[in-house]
C-alpha atoms as a PDB file:
ATOM      1  CA  MET A   1     -16.306   1.464 -12.354  1.00  0.00           C
ATOM      2  CA  SER A   2     -17.325   0.002 -15.715  1.00  0.00           C
ATOM      3  CA  GLU A   3     -16.507   1.140 -19.242  1.00  0.00           C
ATOM      4  CA  ASN A   4     -19.148   3.024 -21.244  1.00  0.00           C
ATOM      5  CA  PRO A   5     -19.102   2.026 -24.943  1.00  0.00           C
ATOM      6  CA  SER A   6     -20.515   5.388 -26.079  1.00  0.00           C
ATOM      7  CA  VAL A   7     -17.895   7.404 -24.184  1.00  0.00           C
ATOM      8  CA  ARG A   8     -15.098   5.205 -25.480  1.00  0.00           C
ATOM      9  CA  ALA A   9     -16.345   5.433 -29.053  1.00  0.00           C
ATOM     10  CA  VAL A  10     -16.250   9.217 -28.945  1.00  0.00           C
ATOM     11  CA  ALA A  11     -12.791   9.222 -27.304  1.00  0.00           C
ATOM     12  CA  GLU A  12     -11.467   6.957 -30.050  1.00  0.00           C
ATOM     13  CA  GLN A  13     -12.303   9.658 -32.595  1.00  0.00           C
ATOM     14  CA  PHE A  14      -9.602  11.819 -31.003  1.00  0.00           C
ATOM     15  CA  PHE A  15      -7.027   9.396 -29.463  1.00  0.00           C
ATOM     16  CA  ALA A  16      -5.695   5.959 -30.383  1.00  0.00           C
ATOM     17  CA  SER A  17      -7.570   3.108 -28.738  1.00  0.00           C
ATOM     18  CA  GLU A  18      -4.472   1.830 -26.956  1.00  0.00           C
ATOM     19  CA  SER A  19      -3.868   5.181 -25.269  1.00  0.00           C
ATOM     20  CA  ILE A  20      -7.367   5.310 -23.772  1.00  0.00           C
ATOM     21  CA  GLU A  21      -7.014   3.721 -20.311  1.00  0.00           C
ATOM     22  CA  SER A  22     -10.639   4.176 -19.292  1.00  0.00           C
ATOM     23  CA  ALA A  23     -13.830   5.762 -20.594  1.00  0.00           C
ATOM     24  CA  VAL A  24     -16.678   5.824 -18.047  1.00  0.00           C
ATOM     25  CA  LEU A  25     -19.945   7.485 -17.314  1.00  0.00           C
ATOM     26  CA  ASN A  26     -21.094   7.923 -13.758  1.00  0.00           C
ATOM     27  CA  ASN A  27     -24.013  10.058 -12.498  1.00  0.00           C
ATOM     28  CA  GLY A  28     -23.958  12.147 -15.650  1.00  0.00           C
ATOM     29  CA  ARG A  29     -20.210  12.739 -15.655  1.00  0.00           C
ATOM     30  CA  ALA A  30     -18.055  11.294 -18.416  1.00  0.00           C
ATOM     31  CA  VAL A  31     -14.398  10.810 -17.549  1.00  0.00           C
ATOM     32  CA  VAL A  32     -11.824   9.755 -20.164  1.00  0.00           C
ATOM     33  CA  THR A  33      -8.366   8.800 -18.940  1.00  0.00           C
ATOM     34  CA  ILE A  34      -5.618   9.147 -21.561  1.00  0.00           C
ATOM     35  CA  ASN A  35      -2.022   7.837 -21.450  1.00  0.00           C
ATOM     36  CA  SER A  36      -0.440  10.084 -24.061  1.00  0.00           C
ATOM     37  CA  GLU A  37       1.969  13.013 -24.388  1.00  0.00           C
ATOM     38  CA  GLU A  38      -0.402  14.586 -26.987  1.00  0.00           C
ATOM     39  CA  ASN A  39      -2.704  16.759 -24.890  1.00  0.00           C
ATOM     40  CA  SER A  40      -3.516  19.696 -27.208  1.00  0.00           C
ATOM     41  CA  SER A  41      -6.065  21.975 -25.531  1.00  0.00           C
ATOM     42  CA  GLU A  42      -8.011  22.292 -28.808  1.00  0.00           C
ATOM     43  CA  VAL A  43      -8.297  18.525 -29.111  1.00  0.00           C
ATOM     44  CA  VAL A  44      -9.326  18.187 -25.463  1.00  0.00           C
ATOM     45  CA  GLU A  45     -12.003  20.861 -25.836  1.00  0.00           C
ATOM     46  CA  ASP A  46     -13.336  19.216 -29.020  1.00  0.00           C
ATOM     47  CA  LEU A  47     -13.492  15.882 -27.265  1.00  0.00           C
ATOM     48  CA  LYS A  48     -15.416  17.383 -24.335  1.00  0.00           C
ATOM     49  CA  LYS A  49     -17.920  18.963 -26.744  1.00  0.00           C
ATOM     50  CA  GLN A  50     -18.549  15.670 -28.420  1.00  0.00           C
ATOM     51  CA  LEU A  51     -18.914  13.859 -25.071  1.00  0.00           C
ATOM     52  CA  LEU A  52     -21.554  16.382 -24.036  1.00  0.00           C
ATOM     53  CA  LYS A  53     -23.657  15.336 -27.007  1.00  0.00           C
ATOM     54  CA  ILE A  54     -24.049  11.873 -25.651  1.00  0.00           C
ATOM     55  CA  PRO A  55     -27.418  11.305 -23.946  1.00  0.00           C
ATOM     56  CA  ASP A  56     -27.255  11.490 -20.107  1.00  0.00           C
ATOM     57  CA  VAL A  57     -23.810  13.261 -20.192  1.00  0.00           C
ATOM     58  CA  ARG A  58     -23.964  16.505 -18.311  1.00  0.00           C
ATOM     59  CA  LYS A  59     -20.294  16.971 -17.498  1.00  0.00           C
ATOM     60  CA  ALA A  60     -17.111  15.836 -19.203  1.00  0.00           C
ATOM     61  CA  ASN A  61     -13.509  15.607 -17.996  1.00  0.00           C
ATOM     62  CA  VAL A  62     -10.294  14.378 -19.675  1.00  0.00           C
ATOM     63  CA  VAL A  63      -7.423  13.250 -17.472  1.00  0.00           C
ATOM     64  CA  PHE A  64      -3.913  12.544 -18.718  1.00  0.00           C
ATOM     65  CA  THR A  65      -1.820  10.004 -16.770  1.00  0.00           C
ATOM     66  CA  SER A  66       1.428   9.998 -18.716  1.00  0.00           C
ATOM     67  CA  SER A  67       4.590  11.183 -16.979  1.00  0.00           C
ATOM     68  CA  ARG A  68       5.521  14.601 -18.330  1.00  0.00           C
ATOM     69  CA  GLN A  69       8.260  15.658 -15.988  1.00  0.00           C
ATOM     70  CA  ASN A  70      11.323  17.463 -17.218  1.00  0.00           C
ATOM     71  CA  ALA A  71      14.190  15.086 -17.779  1.00  0.00           C
ATOM     72  CA  SER A  72      16.638  17.553 -16.352  1.00  0.00           C
ATOM     73  CA  ASP A  73      14.719  17.776 -13.106  1.00  0.00           C
ATOM     74  CA  ASN A  74      13.293  14.766 -11.396  1.00  0.00           C
ATOM     75  CA  HIS A  75      10.895  16.854  -9.320  1.00  0.00           C
ATOM     76  CA  TRP A  76       7.426  17.834 -10.464  1.00  0.00           C
ATOM     77  CA  GLN A  77       7.224  21.511 -11.195  1.00  0.00           C
ATOM     78  CA  ILE A  78       4.532  23.131  -8.997  1.00  0.00           C
ATOM     79  CA  ARG A  79       4.288  26.731  -9.797  1.00  0.00           C
ATOM     80  CA  GLY A  80       3.271  29.449  -7.384  1.00  0.00           C
ATOM     81  CA  VAL A  81       3.955  27.509  -4.177  1.00  0.00           C
ATOM     82  CA  LYS A  82       6.730  28.381  -1.683  1.00  0.00           C
ATOM     83  CA  LYS A  83       6.560  25.625   0.946  1.00  0.00           C
ATOM     84  CA  ILE A  84       4.937  22.123   0.783  1.00  0.00           C
ATOM     85  CA  ILE A  85       4.158  19.854   3.700  1.00  0.00           C
ATOM     86  CA  ALA A  86       2.644  16.353   3.728  1.00  0.00           C
ATOM     87  CA  VAL A  87       0.092  15.233   6.272  1.00  0.00           C
ATOM     88  CA  ALA A  88       0.394  11.446   6.404  1.00  0.00           C
ATOM     89  CA  SER A  89      -0.493   8.388   8.404  1.00  0.00           C
ATOM     90  CA  GLY A  90       0.738   4.839   8.534  1.00  0.00           C
ATOM     91  CA  LYS A  91      -2.789   3.450   8.329  1.00  0.00           C
ATOM     92  CA  GLY A  92      -6.293   4.620   7.470  1.00  0.00           C
ATOM     93  CA  GLY A  93      -9.029   5.520   9.917  1.00  0.00           C
ATOM     94  CA  VAL A  94      -6.911   7.730  12.232  1.00  0.00           C
ATOM     95  CA  GLY A  95      -8.371  11.084  11.079  1.00  0.00           C
ATOM     96  CA  LYS A  96      -5.568  12.113   8.720  1.00  0.00           C
ATOM     97  CA  SER A  97      -7.760  14.020   6.251  1.00  0.00           C
ATOM     98  CA  THR A  98      -9.733  15.767   8.953  1.00  0.00           C
ATOM     99  CA  THR A  99      -6.418  16.809  10.505  1.00  0.00           C
ATOM    100  CA  ALA A 100      -5.018  17.989   7.143  1.00  0.00           C
ATOM    101  CA  VAL A 101      -8.102  20.103   6.425  1.00  0.00           C
ATOM    102  CA  ASN A 102      -8.101  21.751   9.832  1.00  0.00           C
ATOM    103  CA  ILE A 103      -4.354  22.380   9.771  1.00  0.00           C
ATOM    104  CA  ALA A 104      -4.698  24.058   6.423  1.00  0.00           C
ATOM    105  CA  LEU A 105      -7.530  26.287   7.683  1.00  0.00           C
ATOM    106  CA  ALA A 106      -5.621  27.071  10.839  1.00  0.00           C
ATOM    107  CA  LEU A 107      -2.548  28.122   8.891  1.00  0.00           C
ATOM    108  CA  SER A 108      -4.807  30.415   6.884  1.00  0.00           C
ATOM    109  CA  ARG A 109      -6.088  31.949  10.110  1.00  0.00           C
ATOM    110  CA  LEU A 110      -2.434  32.585  10.966  1.00  0.00           C
ATOM    111  CA  ASN A 111      -2.369  34.850   7.928  1.00  0.00           C
ATOM    112  CA  TYR A 112      -0.539  32.561   5.518  1.00  0.00           C
ATOM    113  CA  THR A 113      -1.740  32.045   1.954  1.00  0.00           C
ATOM    114  CA  VAL A 114      -2.605  28.324   2.014  1.00  0.00           C
ATOM    115  CA  ALA A 115      -3.366  25.597  -0.506  1.00  0.00           C
ATOM    116  CA  LEU A 116      -4.711  22.161   0.312  1.00  0.00           C
ATOM    117  CA  PHE A 117      -4.116  19.392  -2.175  1.00  0.00           C
ATOM    118  CA  ASP A 118      -6.017  16.101  -1.832  1.00  0.00           C
ATOM    119  CA  ALA A 119      -3.568  13.333  -2.811  1.00  0.00           C
ATOM    120  CA  ASP A 120      -5.697  10.611  -1.135  1.00  0.00           C
ATOM    121  CA  ILE A 121      -6.608   9.480  -4.599  1.00  0.00           C
ATOM    122  CA  TYR A 122      -8.513   6.311  -3.675  1.00  0.00           C
ATOM    123  CA  GLY A 123     -10.454   7.999  -0.873  1.00  0.00           C
ATOM    124  CA  PRO A 124     -10.676  11.680  -1.643  1.00  0.00           C
ATOM    125  CA  SER A 125     -12.654  13.355   1.134  1.00  0.00           C
ATOM    126  CA  VAL A 126     -11.406  16.988   0.996  1.00  0.00           C
ATOM    127  CA  PRO A 127     -14.189  18.095  -1.361  1.00  0.00           C
ATOM    128  CA  THR A 128     -16.809  16.835   1.126  1.00  0.00           C
ATOM    129  CA  MET A 129     -15.088  18.346   4.113  1.00  0.00           C
ATOM    130  CA  LEU A 130     -14.848  21.720   2.388  1.00  0.00           C
ATOM    131  CA  GLY A 131     -18.168  21.492   0.594  1.00  0.00           C
ATOM    132  CA  TYR A 132     -17.132  21.746  -3.040  1.00  0.00           C
ATOM    133  CA  GLU A 133     -17.685  18.185  -4.432  1.00  0.00           C
ATOM    134  CA  ASP A 134     -20.332  19.318  -6.869  1.00  0.00           C
ATOM    135  CA  MET A 135     -18.369  22.252  -8.312  1.00  0.00           C
ATOM    136  CA  GLU A 136     -16.825  22.008 -11.752  1.00  0.00           C
ATOM    137  CA  LEU A 137     -13.247  22.631 -12.730  1.00  0.00           C
ATOM    138  CA  THR A 138     -12.422  25.925 -14.404  1.00  0.00           C
ATOM    139  CA  SER A 139      -9.868  26.443 -17.197  1.00  0.00           C
ATOM    140  CA  TYR A 140      -9.352  29.783 -18.856  1.00  0.00           C
ATOM    141  CA  ASP A 141      -6.682  28.724 -21.359  1.00  0.00           C
ATOM    142  CA  GLY A 142      -7.701  25.103 -22.019  1.00  0.00           C
ATOM    143  CA  LYS A 143      -4.365  23.936 -20.660  1.00  0.00           C
ATOM    144  CA  THR A 144      -4.315  24.632 -16.925  1.00  0.00           C
ATOM    145  CA  PHE A 145      -6.901  24.610 -14.181  1.00  0.00           C
ATOM    146  CA  GLU A 146      -7.863  27.168 -11.583  1.00  0.00           C
ATOM    147  CA  PRO A 147      -7.849  25.958  -7.952  1.00  0.00           C
ATOM    148  CA  PHE A 148     -11.125  26.013  -6.052  1.00  0.00           C
ATOM    149  CA  GLU A 149     -11.128  28.858  -3.516  1.00  0.00           C
ATOM    150  CA  ILE A 150     -13.000  27.719  -0.433  1.00  0.00           C
ATOM    151  CA  GLN A 151     -12.863  29.030   3.140  1.00  0.00           C
ATOM    152  CA  ASN A 152     -10.036  31.384   2.135  1.00  0.00           C
ATOM    153  CA  ILE A 153      -7.722  28.603   0.884  1.00  0.00           C
ATOM    154  CA  GLN A 154      -6.969  27.213  -2.542  1.00  0.00           C
ATOM    155  CA  THR A 155      -7.703  23.540  -3.060  1.00  0.00           C
ATOM    156  CA  MET A 156      -7.809  20.749  -5.658  1.00  0.00           C
ATOM    157  CA  SER A 157      -8.869  17.081  -5.565  1.00  0.00           C
ATOM    158  CA  ILE A 158      -9.447  14.151  -7.909  1.00  0.00           C
ATOM    159  CA  GLY A 159     -12.741  13.869  -6.090  1.00  0.00           C
ATOM    160  CA  THR A 160     -14.137  16.635  -8.312  1.00  0.00           C
ATOM    161  CA  LEU A 161     -13.738  14.386 -11.323  1.00  0.00           C
ATOM    162  CA  ILE A 162     -15.613  11.345 -10.084  1.00  0.00           C
ATOM    163  CA  GLY A 163     -18.830  10.552  -8.296  1.00  0.00           C
ATOM    164  CA  ARG A 164     -18.806  10.135  -4.531  1.00  0.00           C
ATOM    165  CA  ASP A 165     -19.581   6.414  -4.793  1.00  0.00           C
ATOM    166  CA  THR A 166     -17.216   5.681  -7.771  1.00  0.00           C
ATOM    167  CA  PRO A 167     -14.097   3.740  -6.968  1.00  0.00           C
ATOM    168  CA  LEU A 168     -10.856   4.580  -8.832  1.00  0.00           C
ATOM    169  CA  ILE A 169      -9.576   1.256 -10.074  1.00  0.00           C
ATOM    170  CA  TRP A 170      -6.156   2.519 -11.047  1.00  0.00           C
ATOM    171  CA  ARG A 171      -2.716   1.055 -10.571  1.00  0.00           C
ATOM    172  CA  ALA A 172      -0.044   3.283  -9.059  1.00  0.00           C
ATOM    173  CA  PRO A 173       1.525   4.637 -12.376  1.00  0.00           C
ATOM    174  CA  LYS A 174      -1.862   5.827 -13.587  1.00  0.00           C
ATOM    175  CA  ALA A 175      -2.738   7.357 -10.210  1.00  0.00           C
ATOM    176  CA  CYS A 176       0.604   9.137 -10.017  1.00  0.00           C
ATOM    177  CA  GLY A 177       0.176  10.564 -13.486  1.00  0.00           C
ATOM    178  CA  ALA A 178      -3.185  11.956 -12.612  1.00  0.00           C
ATOM    179  CA  LEU A 179      -1.788  13.484  -9.386  1.00  0.00           C
ATOM    180  CA  GLN A 180       1.076  15.029 -11.285  1.00  0.00           C
ATOM    181  CA  GLN A 181      -1.336  16.692 -13.699  1.00  0.00           C
ATOM    182  CA  LEU A 182      -3.539  18.031 -10.912  1.00  0.00           C
ATOM    183  CA  LEU A 183      -0.548  19.340  -9.033  1.00  0.00           C
ATOM    184  CA  ALA A 184       1.516  20.807 -11.896  1.00  0.00           C
ATOM    185  CA  ASP A 185      -1.272  22.036 -14.192  1.00  0.00           C
ATOM    186  CA  VAL A 186      -3.120  24.109 -11.535  1.00  0.00           C
ATOM    187  CA  ASN A 187      -2.526  27.852 -11.322  1.00  0.00           C
ATOM    188  CA  TRP A 188      -1.668  28.105  -7.673  1.00  0.00           C
ATOM    189  CA  HIS A 189      -1.681  31.742  -6.679  1.00  0.00           C
ATOM    190  CA  ASN A 190       1.331  32.890  -4.552  1.00  0.00           C
ATOM    191  CA  VAL A 191       0.882  30.155  -1.955  1.00  0.00           C
ATOM    192  CA  ASP A 192       2.968  30.426   1.212  1.00  0.00           C
ATOM    193  CA  VAL A 193       2.388  26.767   2.197  1.00  0.00           C
ATOM    194  CA  MET A 194       0.659  23.886   0.538  1.00  0.00           C
ATOM    195  CA  VAL A 195      -0.732  21.073   2.685  1.00  0.00           C
ATOM    196  CA  ILE A 196      -0.896  17.732   0.886  1.00  0.00           C
ATOM    197  CA  ASP A 197      -3.340  15.179   2.296  1.00  0.00           C
ATOM    198  CA  MET A 198      -1.390  12.017   1.547  1.00  0.00           C
ATOM    199  CA  PRO A 199      -2.905   8.574   1.027  1.00  0.00           C
ATOM    200  CA  PRO A 200      -2.565   6.366   4.081  1.00  0.00           C
ATOM    201  CA  GLY A 201       0.281   3.847   4.289  1.00  0.00           C
ATOM    202  CA  THR A 202       3.705   3.639   2.706  1.00  0.00           C
ATOM    203  CA  GLY A 203       3.048   2.376  -0.863  1.00  0.00           C
ATOM    204  CA  ASP A 204       4.059   3.443  -4.408  1.00  0.00           C
ATOM    205  CA  ILE A 205       2.017   6.644  -4.460  1.00  0.00           C
ATOM    206  CA  GLN A 206       3.421   7.859  -1.103  1.00  0.00           C
ATOM    207  CA  ILE A 207       6.966   7.125  -2.194  1.00  0.00           C
ATOM    208  CA  THR A 208       6.508   8.772  -5.584  1.00  0.00           C
ATOM    209  CA  LEU A 209       5.060  11.887  -4.024  1.00  0.00           C
ATOM    210  CA  SER A 210       7.850  12.023  -1.459  1.00  0.00           C
ATOM    211  CA  GLN A 211      10.512  11.788  -4.176  1.00  0.00           C
ATOM    212  CA  GLN A 212       8.916  13.881  -6.898  1.00  0.00           C
ATOM    213  CA  VAL A 213       7.522  16.748  -4.825  1.00  0.00           C
ATOM    214  CA  ARG A 214       9.894  19.100  -2.952  1.00  0.00           C
ATOM    215  CA  LEU A 215       8.499  18.471   0.472  1.00  0.00           C
ATOM    216  CA  ASN A 216       9.674  20.778   3.203  1.00  0.00           C
ATOM    217  CA  GLY A 217       8.388  18.428   5.914  1.00  0.00           C
ATOM    218  CA  ALA A 218       5.901  15.758   6.943  1.00  0.00           C
ATOM    219  CA  VAL A 219       3.346  15.636   9.766  1.00  0.00           C
ATOM    220  CA  ILE A 220       2.406  12.157  10.953  1.00  0.00           C
ATOM    221  CA  VAL A 221      -1.082  11.613  12.346  1.00  0.00           C
ATOM    222  CA  SER A 222      -1.835   8.690  14.676  1.00  0.00           C
ATOM    223  CA  THR A 223      -4.152   7.700  17.450  1.00  0.00           C
ATOM    224  CA  PRO A 224      -2.718   6.703  20.833  1.00  0.00           C
ATOM    225  CA  GLN A 225      -3.600   3.052  20.089  1.00  0.00           C
ATOM    226  CA  ASP A 226      -0.612   0.712  19.900  1.00  0.00           C
ATOM    227  CA  ILE A 227      -1.636  -0.825  16.570  1.00  0.00           C
ATOM    228  CA  ALA A 228      -1.887   2.624  15.022  1.00  0.00           C
ATOM    229  CA  LEU A 229       1.476   3.725  16.457  1.00  0.00           C
ATOM    230  CA  ILE A 230       3.203   0.715  14.949  1.00  0.00           C
ATOM    231  CA  ASP A 231       2.145   1.941  11.504  1.00  0.00           C
ATOM    232  CA  ALA A 232       2.945   5.533  12.380  1.00  0.00           C
ATOM    233  CA  VAL A 233       6.523   4.531  13.038  1.00  0.00           C
ATOM    234  CA  LYS A 234       6.671   2.973   9.608  1.00  0.00           C
ATOM    235  CA  GLY A 235       5.429   6.253   8.131  1.00  0.00           C
ATOM    236  CA  VAL A 236       8.106   8.206   9.956  1.00  0.00           C
ATOM    237  CA  ASN A 237      10.776   5.814   8.747  1.00  0.00           C
ATOM    238  CA  MET A 238       9.541   5.977   5.172  1.00  0.00           C
ATOM    239  CA  PHE A 239       9.913   9.816   5.073  1.00  0.00           C
ATOM    240  CA  LYS A 240      13.322   9.559   6.722  1.00  0.00           C
ATOM    241  CA  ALA A 241      14.418   7.047   4.047  1.00  0.00           C
ATOM    242  CA  VAL A 242      13.599   9.571   1.262  1.00  0.00           C
ATOM    243  CA  SER A 243      15.159  12.475   3.202  1.00  0.00           C
ATOM    244  CA  VAL A 244      11.920  14.380   4.055  1.00  0.00           C
ATOM    245  CA  PRO A 245      12.170  16.196   7.364  1.00  0.00           C
ATOM    246  CA  ILE A 246       9.686  15.078  10.028  1.00  0.00           C
ATOM    247  CA  LEU A 247       7.910  18.116  11.472  1.00  0.00           C
ATOM    248  CA  GLY A 248       6.375  16.045  14.206  1.00  0.00           C
ATOM    249  CA  ILE A 249       3.517  13.744  15.165  1.00  0.00           C
ATOM    250  CA  VAL A 250      -0.100  14.660  15.955  1.00  0.00           C
ATOM    251  CA  GLU A 251      -2.119  12.442  18.324  1.00  0.00           C
ATOM    252  CA  ASN A 252      -5.683  12.412  17.047  1.00  0.00           C
ATOM    253  CA  MET A 253      -8.535  11.079  19.167  1.00  0.00           C
ATOM    254  CA  SER A 254      -6.234  11.751  22.045  1.00  0.00           C
ATOM    255  CA  TYR A 255      -8.904  11.852  24.738  1.00  0.00           C
ATOM    256  CA  HIS A 256     -12.643  12.306  25.313  1.00  0.00           C
ATOM    257  CA  ILE A 257     -14.216  14.704  27.734  1.00  0.00           C
ATOM    258  CA  CYS A 258     -17.683  13.679  29.009  1.00  0.00           C
ATOM    259  CA  LYS A 259     -20.207  16.523  28.437  1.00  0.00           C
ATOM    260  CA  ASN A 260     -22.140  15.528  31.533  1.00  0.00           C
ATOM    261  CA  CYS A 261     -19.426  15.270  34.183  1.00  0.00           C
ATOM    262  CA  GLY A 262     -16.318  16.712  32.527  1.00  0.00           C
ATOM    263  CA  HIS A 263     -14.297  13.541  33.092  1.00  0.00           C
ATOM    264  CA  LYS A 264     -11.344  13.162  30.746  1.00  0.00           C
ATOM    265  CA  GLU A 265     -11.052   9.642  29.413  1.00  0.00           C
ATOM    266  CA  HIS A 266      -8.228   8.193  27.283  1.00  0.00           C
ATOM    267  CA  ILE A 267     -10.237   5.800  25.235  1.00  0.00           C
ATOM    268  CA  PHE A 268      -7.485   4.641  22.871  1.00  0.00           C
ATOM    269  CA  GLY A 269      -4.587   4.836  25.437  1.00  0.00           C
ATOM    270  CA  ASN A 270      -2.684   7.535  27.159  1.00  0.00           C
ATOM    271  CA  ASN A 271       0.395   9.437  25.827  1.00  0.00           C
ATOM    272  CA  GLY A 272       1.052   6.830  23.094  1.00  0.00           C
ATOM    273  CA  ALA A 273       2.068   9.288  20.399  1.00  0.00           C
ATOM    274  CA  TYR A 274       4.054  11.438  22.869  1.00  0.00           C
ATOM    275  CA  ASP A 275       6.053   8.431  24.020  1.00  0.00           C
ATOM    276  CA  THR A 276       6.617   7.343  20.465  1.00  0.00           C
ATOM    277  CA  ALA A 277       7.823  10.815  19.508  1.00  0.00           C
ATOM    278  CA  GLN A 278      10.247  10.744  22.401  1.00  0.00           C
ATOM    279  CA  LYS A 279      11.623   7.374  21.410  1.00  0.00           C
ATOM    280  CA  MET A 280      12.117   8.441  17.789  1.00  0.00           C
ATOM    281  CA  ASP A 281      13.569  11.853  18.662  1.00  0.00           C
ATOM    282  CA  ILE A 282      10.849  13.784  16.829  1.00  0.00           C
ATOM    283  CA  ASP A 283       8.575  16.523  18.048  1.00  0.00           C
ATOM    284  CA  PHE A 284       5.149  15.877  19.588  1.00  0.00           C
ATOM    285  CA  LEU A 285       2.941  18.587  18.031  1.00  0.00           C
ATOM    286  CA  GLY A 286      -0.070  18.053  20.210  1.00  0.00           C
ATOM    287  CA  GLY A 287      -3.267  16.115  20.772  1.00  0.00           C
ATOM    288  CA  ILE A 288      -6.748  16.506  19.275  1.00  0.00           C
ATOM    289  CA  PRO A 289      -9.733  15.308  21.346  1.00  0.00           C
ATOM    290  CA  LEU A 290     -12.222  12.753  20.263  1.00  0.00           C
ATOM    291  CA  GLU A 291     -15.170  15.070  19.883  1.00  0.00           C
ATOM    292  CA  LEU A 292     -18.536  14.719  18.029  1.00  0.00           C
ATOM    293  CA  ALA A 293     -18.340  18.297  16.753  1.00  0.00           C
ATOM    294  CA  ILE A 294     -15.191  17.571  14.763  1.00  0.00           C
ATOM    295  CA  ARG A 295     -16.878  14.727  12.905  1.00  0.00           C
ATOM    296  CA  PHE A 296     -20.112  16.678  12.448  1.00  0.00           C
ATOM    297  CA  HIS A 297     -18.404  19.671  10.869  1.00  0.00           C
ATOM    298  CA  ALA A 298     -16.205  17.528   8.665  1.00  0.00           C
ATOM    299  CA  ASP A 299     -19.200  15.670   7.301  1.00  0.00           C
ATOM    300  CA  ASN A 300     -21.108  18.926   6.604  1.00  0.00           C
ATOM    301  CA  GLY A 301     -18.343  20.844   4.887  1.00  0.00           C
ATOM    302  CA  THR A 302     -17.889  23.261   7.787  1.00  0.00           C
ATOM    303  CA  PRO A 303     -14.578  22.351   9.541  1.00  0.00           C
ATOM    304  CA  ILE A 304     -14.446  23.124  13.213  1.00  0.00           C
ATOM    305  CA  VAL A 305     -11.542  25.544  12.908  1.00  0.00           C
ATOM    306  CA  VAL A 306     -13.835  27.794  10.850  1.00  0.00           C
ATOM    307  CA  ASP A 307     -17.256  27.026  12.356  1.00  0.00           C
ATOM    308  CA  GLU A 308     -16.338  26.896  16.023  1.00  0.00           C
ATOM    309  CA  PRO A 309     -13.031  28.818  16.251  1.00  0.00           C
ATOM    310  CA  ASP A 310     -13.264  29.306  20.001  1.00  0.00           C
ATOM    311  CA  SER A 311     -13.749  25.617  20.759  1.00  0.00           C
ATOM    312  CA  ASP A 312     -11.048  23.623  22.545  1.00  0.00           C
ATOM    313  CA  SER A 313     -10.600  21.470  19.447  1.00  0.00           C
ATOM    314  CA  ALA A 314     -10.108  24.446  17.160  1.00  0.00           C
ATOM    315  CA  LYS A 315      -7.601  25.909  19.614  1.00  0.00           C
ATOM    316  CA  ALA A 316      -5.700  22.617  19.569  1.00  0.00           C
ATOM    317  CA  TYR A 317      -5.485  22.699  15.760  1.00  0.00           C
ATOM    318  CA  MET A 318      -4.307  26.331  15.928  1.00  0.00           C
ATOM    319  CA  ALA A 319      -1.590  25.474  18.459  1.00  0.00           C
ATOM    320  CA  ILE A 320      -0.363  22.584  16.316  1.00  0.00           C
ATOM    321  CA  SER A 321      -0.416  24.734  13.218  1.00  0.00           C
ATOM    322  CA  GLN A 322       1.568  27.486  14.894  1.00  0.00           C
ATOM    323  CA  LYS A 323       4.313  24.959  15.766  1.00  0.00           C
ATOM    324  CA  ILE A 324       4.354  23.842  12.109  1.00  0.00           C
ATOM    325  CA  ALA A 325       4.586  27.438  10.894  1.00  0.00           C
ATOM    326  CA  ASP A 326       7.421  28.174  13.329  1.00  0.00           C
ATOM    327  CA  LYS A 327       9.361  25.312  11.776  1.00  0.00           C
ATOM    328  CA  LEU A 328       8.739  26.358   8.186  1.00  0.00           C
ATOM    329  CA  PHE A 329       9.130  30.182   8.360  1.00  0.00           C
END
């Protein structure tokens, strides 16, 4: 993601050069990242208006990455949310985001008011899975944002600020600052439970979120494969180290059922997550099959819990989500 001289020149009319961390233009969208406590709504709106005068700029966003938390409270203040859970994994590629999206939608079908926050900042996929990646942010007061309301849940993602193919080349402090802004400056509306799709792994962003957000529990996603379970154990231990309760482990890609003969095959191993849960004295929440329909619906913005609610996979997500709800409420 390269700097755009025109975008930077306009930004420097409003903010000191040293506070402008990036000024880029990608697919018609200008994004200026500012490390500053000065974030007057009037100044931000004036900056956006000037950015839109640049040829080829169709959309403009300003992101603040400075830490603005209250010194008397180490936790980020997230208004309008009663319970918050993290859906996490020790490694990428195990279906964490797909699981987070379908759990959020399943909780909504259980008649809870649900929010889904995409904290997977380097690989935001929630907008694609819910079909809102081309929608623009809305702000009525120039200071806070309105969540997107999709499929009966409230949601927000950094993916709405950048192009699908644009990498975020940010170090952890900048990434955490942007996540704090998106979490704390969104007008969440009377949410019973927020599901946070965490980045994979156990790095700085995961630790910061675990310490700064009042998490009521974490759900660990893994496949039955030994190499995935090794990292899942690390994820469990990270949350335990920062005193976040473990709600349980979900085994994704648990098995595959042949459409032709009905044979059930454990492609990545059998009972791996269940056995790991037993050894670590945590709950096994259930298994999700390896099914083409799950991938198809995720790619097309129509998650299987919504589009095929009577399917075995949707019922598996519903059963897992009911166990989570029973632990929270």
